[in-house]
Amino acid sequence: MTQDNKLVALCKQSDLIPNSGICARVGDQQIALFYLPKETPQVYAIGDWDPIGKANVLSRGIVGDIDGRIVVASPLYKQHFDLHTGDCLEDATANVPCYRVSLDGDQVLIAL
């Protein structure tokens, strides 16, 4: 998890797609946001950059569960990234930034 430097309003909850991801841009960073309404927490945020496929694509990946870990599968080479930690399940040397994100009414807030 990144340090809680400041909270930034990223988008509205109504902008999110249930059980899927979207990409949001904050400055020069692309953030992959996943809205999983049946989970706790309901919203997860990781960096969108796939360090193995070398492209901003993780927001387009398929969300699932592997051994109790909520993950997204990269659409490029299918590696799985843990939405709680940003760690790659198949390659311990690969990971993505993971951000604290929360809902405040209809606002999605992210700590950067």
N, C-alpha and C. Protein backbone atom coordinates (compact mmCIF):
# COMPACT_ATOMS: atom_id res chain seq x y z
N MET A 1 0.84 -1.18 0.00
CA MET A 1 0.00 0.00 0.00
C MET A 1 0.88 1.24 0.00
N THR A 2 0.42 2.26 -0.68
CA THR A 2 1.16 3.51 -0.72
C THR A 2 0.90 4.30 0.56
N GLN A 3 1.75 5.26 0.82
CA GLN A 3 1.56 6.15 1.96
C GLN A 3 0.30 6.98 1.75
N ASP A 4 -0.37 7.34 2.82
CA ASP A 4 -1.57 8.17 2.73
C ASP A 4 -1.16 9.64 2.70
N ASN A 5 -0.69 10.12 1.57
CA ASN A 5 -0.26 11.50 1.46
C ASN A 5 -1.45 12.44 1.40
N LYS A 6 -2.38 12.18 0.49
CA LYS A 6 -3.57 13.02 0.39
C LYS A 6 -4.68 12.22 -0.28
N LEU A 7 -5.93 12.57 0.06
CA LEU A 7 -7.07 11.93 -0.56
C LEU A 7 -7.50 12.76 -1.76
N VAL A 8 -7.73 12.08 -2.87
CA VAL A 8 -8.13 12.74 -4.11
C VAL A 8 -9.44 12.13 -4.58
N ALA A 9 -10.41 12.98 -4.94
CA ALA A 9 -11.66 12.49 -5.53
C ALA A 9 -11.34 12.03 -6.94
N LEU A 10 -11.58 10.77 -7.21
CA LEU A 10 -11.18 10.17 -8.49
C LEU A 10 -12.33 10.13 -9.49
N CYS A 11 -13.50 9.72 -9.02
CA CYS A 11 -14.68 9.63 -9.88
C CYS A 11 -15.89 9.41 -8.98
N LYS A 12 -17.02 9.17 -9.59
CA LYS A 12 -18.24 8.86 -8.84
C LYS A 12 -18.45 7.34 -8.85
N GLN A 13 -19.10 6.84 -7.82
CA GLN A 13 -19.40 5.41 -7.78
C GLN A 13 -20.22 5.01 -8.99
N SER A 14 -21.08 5.89 -9.46
CA SER A 14 -21.91 5.59 -10.63
C SER A 14 -21.08 5.45 -11.91
N ASP A 15 -19.81 5.91 -11.89
CA ASP A 15 -18.93 5.73 -13.05
C ASP A 15 -18.34 4.31 -13.10
N LEU A 16 -18.40 3.60 -11.98
CA LEU A 16 -17.81 2.26 -11.89
C LEU A 16 -18.74 1.21 -12.50
N ILE A 17 -18.13 0.12 -12.96
CA ILE A 17 -18.89 -0.99 -13.55
C ILE A 17 -18.81 -2.16 -12.58
N PRO A 18 -19.96 -2.65 -12.08
CA PRO A 18 -19.91 -3.75 -11.12
C PRO A 18 -19.15 -4.96 -11.67
N ASN A 19 -18.30 -5.52 -10.81
CA ASN A 19 -17.53 -6.73 -11.09
C ASN A 19 -16.58 -6.59 -12.27
N SER A 20 -16.10 -5.37 -12.47
CA SER A 20 -15.21 -5.10 -13.60
C SER A 20 -14.29 -3.95 -13.23
N GLY A 21 -13.40 -3.61 -14.16
CA GLY A 21 -12.45 -2.53 -13.93
C GLY A 21 -12.63 -1.38 -14.90
N ILE A 22 -12.15 -0.21 -14.48
CA ILE A 22 -12.06 0.96 -15.35
C ILE A 22 -10.68 1.58 -15.10
N CYS A 23 -10.25 2.41 -16.01
CA CYS A 23 -8.99 3.12 -15.85
C CYS A 23 -9.28 4.58 -15.54
N ALA A 24 -8.57 5.12 -14.55
CA ALA A 24 -8.68 6.53 -14.21
C ALA A 24 -7.28 7.13 -14.24
N ARG A 25 -7.19 8.36 -14.64
CA ARG A 25 -5.89 9.02 -14.73
C ARG A 25 -5.80 10.09 -13.63
N VAL A 26 -4.69 10.05 -12.88
CA VAL A 26 -4.40 11.06 -11.87
C VAL A 26 -3.00 11.58 -12.17
N GLY A 27 -2.93 12.81 -12.65
CA GLY A 27 -1.63 13.34 -13.08
C GLY A 27 -1.10 12.49 -14.21
N ASP A 28 0.09 11.96 -14.04
CA ASP A 28 0.68 11.09 -15.07
C ASP A 28 0.50 9.62 -14.76
N GLN A 29 -0.28 9.30 -13.71
CA GLN A 29 -0.51 7.91 -13.33
C GLN A 29 -1.83 7.38 -13.88
N GLN A 30 -1.81 6.14 -14.36
CA GLN A 30 -3.05 5.47 -14.73
C GLN A 30 -3.34 4.44 -13.64
N ILE A 31 -4.55 4.53 -13.10
CA ILE A 31 -4.98 3.69 -11.99
C ILE A 31 -6.09 2.76 -12.47
N ALA A 32 -5.96 1.48 -12.15
CA ALA A 32 -7.01 0.50 -12.44
C ALA A 32 -7.92 0.40 -11.22
N LEU A 33 -9.20 0.73 -11.40
CA LEU A 33 -10.20 0.68 -10.33
C LEU A 33 -11.13 -0.50 -10.57
N PHE A 34 -11.37 -1.27 -9.54
CA PHE A 34 -12.26 -2.43 -9.64
C PHE A 34 -13.37 -2.28 -8.61
N TYR A 35 -14.61 -2.41 -9.07
CA TYR A 35 -15.78 -2.29 -8.20
C TYR A 35 -16.40 -3.67 -8.04
N LEU A 36 -16.27 -4.21 -6.83
CA LEU A 36 -16.80 -5.54 -6.51
C LEU A 36 -17.82 -5.38 -5.38
N PRO A 37 -19.09 -5.10 -5.74
CA PRO A 37 -20.09 -4.72 -4.74
C PRO A 37 -20.37 -5.78 -3.68
N LYS A 38 -20.05 -7.04 -3.91
CA LYS A 38 -20.32 -8.09 -2.91
C LYS A 38 -19.13 -8.35 -2.00
N GLU A 39 -18.02 -7.63 -2.20
CA GLU A 39 -16.81 -7.81 -1.40
C GLU A 39 -16.68 -6.70 -0.37
N THR A 40 -15.79 -6.90 0.59
CA THR A 40 -15.42 -5.87 1.55
C THR A 40 -13.92 -5.75 1.54
N PRO A 41 -13.38 -4.60 1.16
CA PRO A 41 -14.06 -3.42 0.66
C PRO A 41 -14.65 -3.65 -0.73
N GLN A 42 -15.44 -2.70 -1.20
CA GLN A 42 -16.09 -2.84 -2.50
C GLN A 42 -15.25 -2.33 -3.66
N VAL A 43 -14.30 -1.44 -3.37
CA VAL A 43 -13.50 -0.83 -4.43
C VAL A 43 -12.02 -1.09 -4.16
N TYR A 44 -11.29 -1.44 -5.22
CA TYR A 44 -9.85 -1.72 -5.15
C TYR A 44 -9.15 -0.87 -6.20
N ALA A 45 -7.92 -0.49 -5.93
CA ALA A 45 -7.15 0.33 -6.88
C ALA A 45 -5.71 -0.15 -6.92
N ILE A 46 -5.24 -0.42 -8.14
CA ILE A 46 -3.84 -0.79 -8.37
C ILE A 46 -3.35 0.00 -9.58
N GLY A 47 -2.06 0.02 -9.79
CA GLY A 47 -1.53 0.63 -10.99
C GLY A 47 -2.02 -0.12 -12.22
N ASP A 48 -2.30 0.59 -13.29
CA ASP A 48 -2.82 -0.03 -14.52
C ASP A 48 -1.70 -0.67 -15.36
N TRP A 49 -0.45 -0.29 -15.11
CA TRP A 49 0.70 -0.76 -15.89
C TRP A 49 1.02 -2.21 -15.57
N ASP A 50 0.96 -3.07 -16.58
CA ASP A 50 1.34 -4.47 -16.44
C ASP A 50 2.85 -4.55 -16.63
N PRO A 51 3.62 -4.86 -15.56
CA PRO A 51 5.07 -4.87 -15.68
C PRO A 51 5.62 -6.01 -16.54
N ILE A 52 4.83 -7.01 -16.80
CA ILE A 52 5.27 -8.13 -17.64
C ILE A 52 4.92 -7.86 -19.09
N GLY A 53 3.70 -7.43 -19.35
CA GLY A 53 3.27 -7.12 -20.71
C GLY A 53 3.69 -5.75 -21.21
N LYS A 54 4.17 -4.91 -20.28
CA LYS A 54 4.67 -3.57 -20.62
C LYS A 54 3.62 -2.68 -21.28
N ALA A 55 2.40 -2.66 -20.69
CA ALA A 55 1.32 -1.83 -21.22
C ALA A 55 0.32 -1.51 -20.11
N ASN A 56 -0.40 -0.42 -20.25
CA ASN A 56 -1.46 -0.05 -19.31
C ASN A 56 -2.73 -0.81 -19.68
N VAL A 57 -2.91 -1.99 -19.08
CA VAL A 57 -4.04 -2.84 -19.46
C VAL A 57 -4.73 -3.55 -18.30
N LEU A 58 -4.21 -3.44 -17.09
CA LEU A 58 -4.78 -4.24 -15.99
C LEU A 58 -6.24 -3.92 -15.73
N SER A 59 -6.68 -2.69 -16.00
CA SER A 59 -8.08 -2.34 -15.79
C SER A 59 -9.00 -3.13 -16.71
N ARG A 60 -8.46 -3.70 -17.78
CA ARG A 60 -9.26 -4.49 -18.72
C ARG A 60 -9.20 -5.98 -18.43
N GLY A 61 -8.54 -6.36 -17.35
CA GLY A 61 -8.40 -7.77 -17.01
C GLY A 61 -9.66 -8.35 -16.39
N ILE A 62 -9.65 -9.66 -16.25
CA ILE A 62 -10.78 -10.38 -15.66
C ILE A 62 -10.51 -10.56 -14.16
N VAL A 63 -11.51 -10.19 -13.35
CA VAL A 63 -11.41 -10.30 -11.90
C VAL A 63 -11.85 -11.69 -11.47
N GLY A 64 -11.13 -12.25 -10.50
CA GLY A 64 -11.49 -13.56 -10.00
C GLY A 64 -10.91 -13.81 -8.63
N ASP A 65 -10.95 -15.07 -8.23
CA ASP A 65 -10.48 -15.50 -6.92
C ASP A 65 -9.59 -16.71 -7.11
N ILE A 66 -8.39 -16.65 -6.56
CA ILE A 66 -7.48 -17.80 -6.58
C ILE A 66 -7.09 -18.09 -5.15
N ASP A 67 -7.51 -19.23 -4.65
CA ASP A 67 -7.20 -19.64 -3.27
C ASP A 67 -7.55 -18.57 -2.25
N GLY A 68 -8.70 -17.92 -2.44
CA GLY A 68 -9.17 -16.91 -1.49
C GLY A 68 -8.58 -15.53 -1.71
N ARG A 69 -7.75 -15.36 -2.70
CA ARG A 69 -7.17 -14.05 -3.01
C ARG A 69 -7.92 -13.43 -4.18
N ILE A 70 -8.36 -12.18 -4.02
CA ILE A 70 -9.04 -11.48 -5.10
C ILE A 70 -7.97 -10.96 -6.05
N VAL A 71 -8.08 -11.34 -7.32
CA VAL A 71 -7.05 -11.04 -8.30
C VAL A 71 -7.65 -10.50 -9.59
N VAL A 72 -6.78 -9.89 -10.40
CA VAL A 72 -7.13 -9.55 -11.77
C VAL A 72 -6.11 -10.26 -12.65
N ALA A 73 -6.60 -10.86 -13.73
CA ALA A 73 -5.73 -11.52 -14.71
C ALA A 73 -5.40 -10.52 -15.80
N SER A 74 -4.12 -10.32 -16.06
CA SER A 74 -3.73 -9.41 -17.13
C SER A 74 -4.28 -9.93 -18.44
N PRO A 75 -4.84 -9.04 -19.28
CA PRO A 75 -5.36 -9.50 -20.57
C PRO A 75 -4.25 -9.88 -21.56
N LEU A 76 -2.99 -9.56 -21.24
CA LEU A 76 -1.91 -9.87 -22.18
C LEU A 76 -1.38 -11.29 -22.00
N TYR A 77 -0.70 -11.56 -20.88
CA TYR A 77 -0.09 -12.87 -20.68
C TYR A 77 -0.73 -13.67 -19.55
N LYS A 78 -1.82 -13.14 -19.00
CA LYS A 78 -2.68 -13.83 -18.04
C LYS A 78 -2.10 -14.00 -16.64
N GLN A 79 -1.03 -13.26 -16.29
CA GLN A 79 -0.56 -13.30 -14.91
C GLN A 79 -1.62 -12.68 -14.02
N HIS A 80 -1.67 -13.13 -12.78
CA HIS A 80 -2.68 -12.67 -11.83
C HIS A 80 -2.04 -11.74 -10.81
N PHE A 81 -2.67 -10.59 -10.59
CA PHE A 81 -2.20 -9.60 -9.62
C PHE A 81 -3.22 -9.50 -8.49
N ASP A 82 -2.74 -9.64 -7.25
CA ASP A 82 -3.57 -9.57 -6.06
C ASP A 82 -4.06 -8.13 -5.87
N LEU A 83 -5.37 -7.94 -5.74
CA LEU A 83 -5.92 -6.59 -5.61
C LEU A 83 -5.69 -5.98 -4.23
N HIS A 84 -5.33 -6.81 -3.24
CA HIS A 84 -5.02 -6.28 -1.90
C HIS A 84 -3.58 -5.82 -1.79
N THR A 85 -2.66 -6.49 -2.49
CA THR A 85 -1.23 -6.23 -2.31
C THR A 85 -0.52 -5.74 -3.57
N GLY A 86 -1.07 -6.02 -4.74
CA GLY A 86 -0.40 -5.68 -5.99
C GLY A 86 0.60 -6.73 -6.44
N ASP A 87 0.78 -7.80 -5.65
CA ASP A 87 1.75 -8.85 -5.98
C ASP A 87 1.27 -9.73 -7.12
N CYS A 88 2.20 -10.15 -7.96
CA CYS A 88 1.91 -11.10 -9.03
C CYS A 88 2.02 -12.51 -8.46
N LEU A 89 1.01 -13.33 -8.66
CA LEU A 89 1.01 -14.69 -8.12
C LEU A 89 2.01 -15.60 -8.83
N GLU A 90 2.24 -15.38 -10.12
CA GLU A 90 3.11 -16.26 -10.88
C GLU A 90 4.58 -15.83 -10.88
N ASP A 91 4.86 -14.57 -10.55
CA ASP A 91 6.22 -14.05 -10.62
C ASP A 91 6.47 -13.15 -9.41
N ALA A 92 7.18 -13.66 -8.42
CA ALA A 92 7.41 -12.91 -7.18
C ALA A 92 8.20 -11.62 -7.39
N THR A 93 8.86 -11.48 -8.53
CA THR A 93 9.63 -10.25 -8.78
C THR A 93 8.77 -9.16 -9.41
N ALA A 94 7.55 -9.47 -9.78
CA ALA A 94 6.67 -8.49 -10.42
C ALA A 94 5.56 -8.06 -9.46
N ASN A 95 5.33 -6.77 -9.40
CA ASN A 95 4.21 -6.26 -8.62
C ASN A 95 3.80 -4.91 -9.18
N VAL A 96 2.65 -4.45 -8.76
CA VAL A 96 2.13 -3.14 -9.18
C VAL A 96 1.78 -2.34 -7.92
N PRO A 97 1.77 -1.02 -8.03
CA PRO A 97 1.38 -0.22 -6.87
C PRO A 97 -0.07 -0.52 -6.47
N CYS A 98 -0.31 -0.47 -5.19
CA CYS A 98 -1.64 -0.72 -4.65
C CYS A 98 -2.02 0.52 -3.84
N TYR A 99 -3.23 1.01 -4.02
CA TYR A 99 -3.66 2.26 -3.40
C TYR A 99 -4.84 2.04 -2.47
N ARG A 100 -4.89 2.83 -1.40
CA ARG A 100 -6.05 2.81 -0.51
C ARG A 100 -7.14 3.62 -1.20
N VAL A 101 -8.30 3.03 -1.33
CA VAL A 101 -9.41 3.69 -2.00
C VAL A 101 -10.67 3.46 -1.16
N SER A 102 -11.57 4.45 -1.15
CA SER A 102 -12.78 4.32 -0.35
C SER A 102 -13.93 5.05 -1.03
N LEU A 103 -15.12 4.72 -0.57
CA LEU A 103 -16.33 5.40 -1.04
C LEU A 103 -16.78 6.37 0.03
N ASP A 104 -17.11 7.59 -0.38
CA ASP A 104 -17.67 8.60 0.51
C ASP A 104 -18.91 9.12 -0.18
N GLY A 105 -20.06 8.53 0.17
CA GLY A 105 -21.28 8.82 -0.57
C GLY A 105 -21.10 8.27 -1.97
N ASP A 106 -21.24 9.14 -2.98
CA ASP A 106 -21.07 8.71 -4.37
C ASP A 106 -19.65 8.97 -4.88
N GLN A 107 -18.79 9.54 -4.04
CA GLN A 107 -17.42 9.86 -4.45
C GLN A 107 -16.47 8.69 -4.18
N VAL A 108 -15.61 8.40 -5.15
CA VAL A 108 -14.54 7.43 -4.96
C VAL A 108 -13.28 8.24 -4.64
N LEU A 109 -12.72 7.99 -3.46
CA LEU A 109 -11.53 8.71 -2.99
C LEU A 109 -10.34 7.76 -3.02
N ILE A 110 -9.18 8.29 -3.43
CA ILE A 110 -7.96 7.49 -3.47
C ILE A 110 -6.87 8.22 -2.70
N ALA A 111 -6.07 7.48 -1.96
CA ALA A 111 -4.93 8.06 -1.25
C ALA A 111 -3.70 7.98 -2.12
N LEU A 112 -3.11 9.12 -2.43
CA LEU A 112 -1.90 9.18 -3.26
C LEU A 112 -0.75 9.74 -2.46
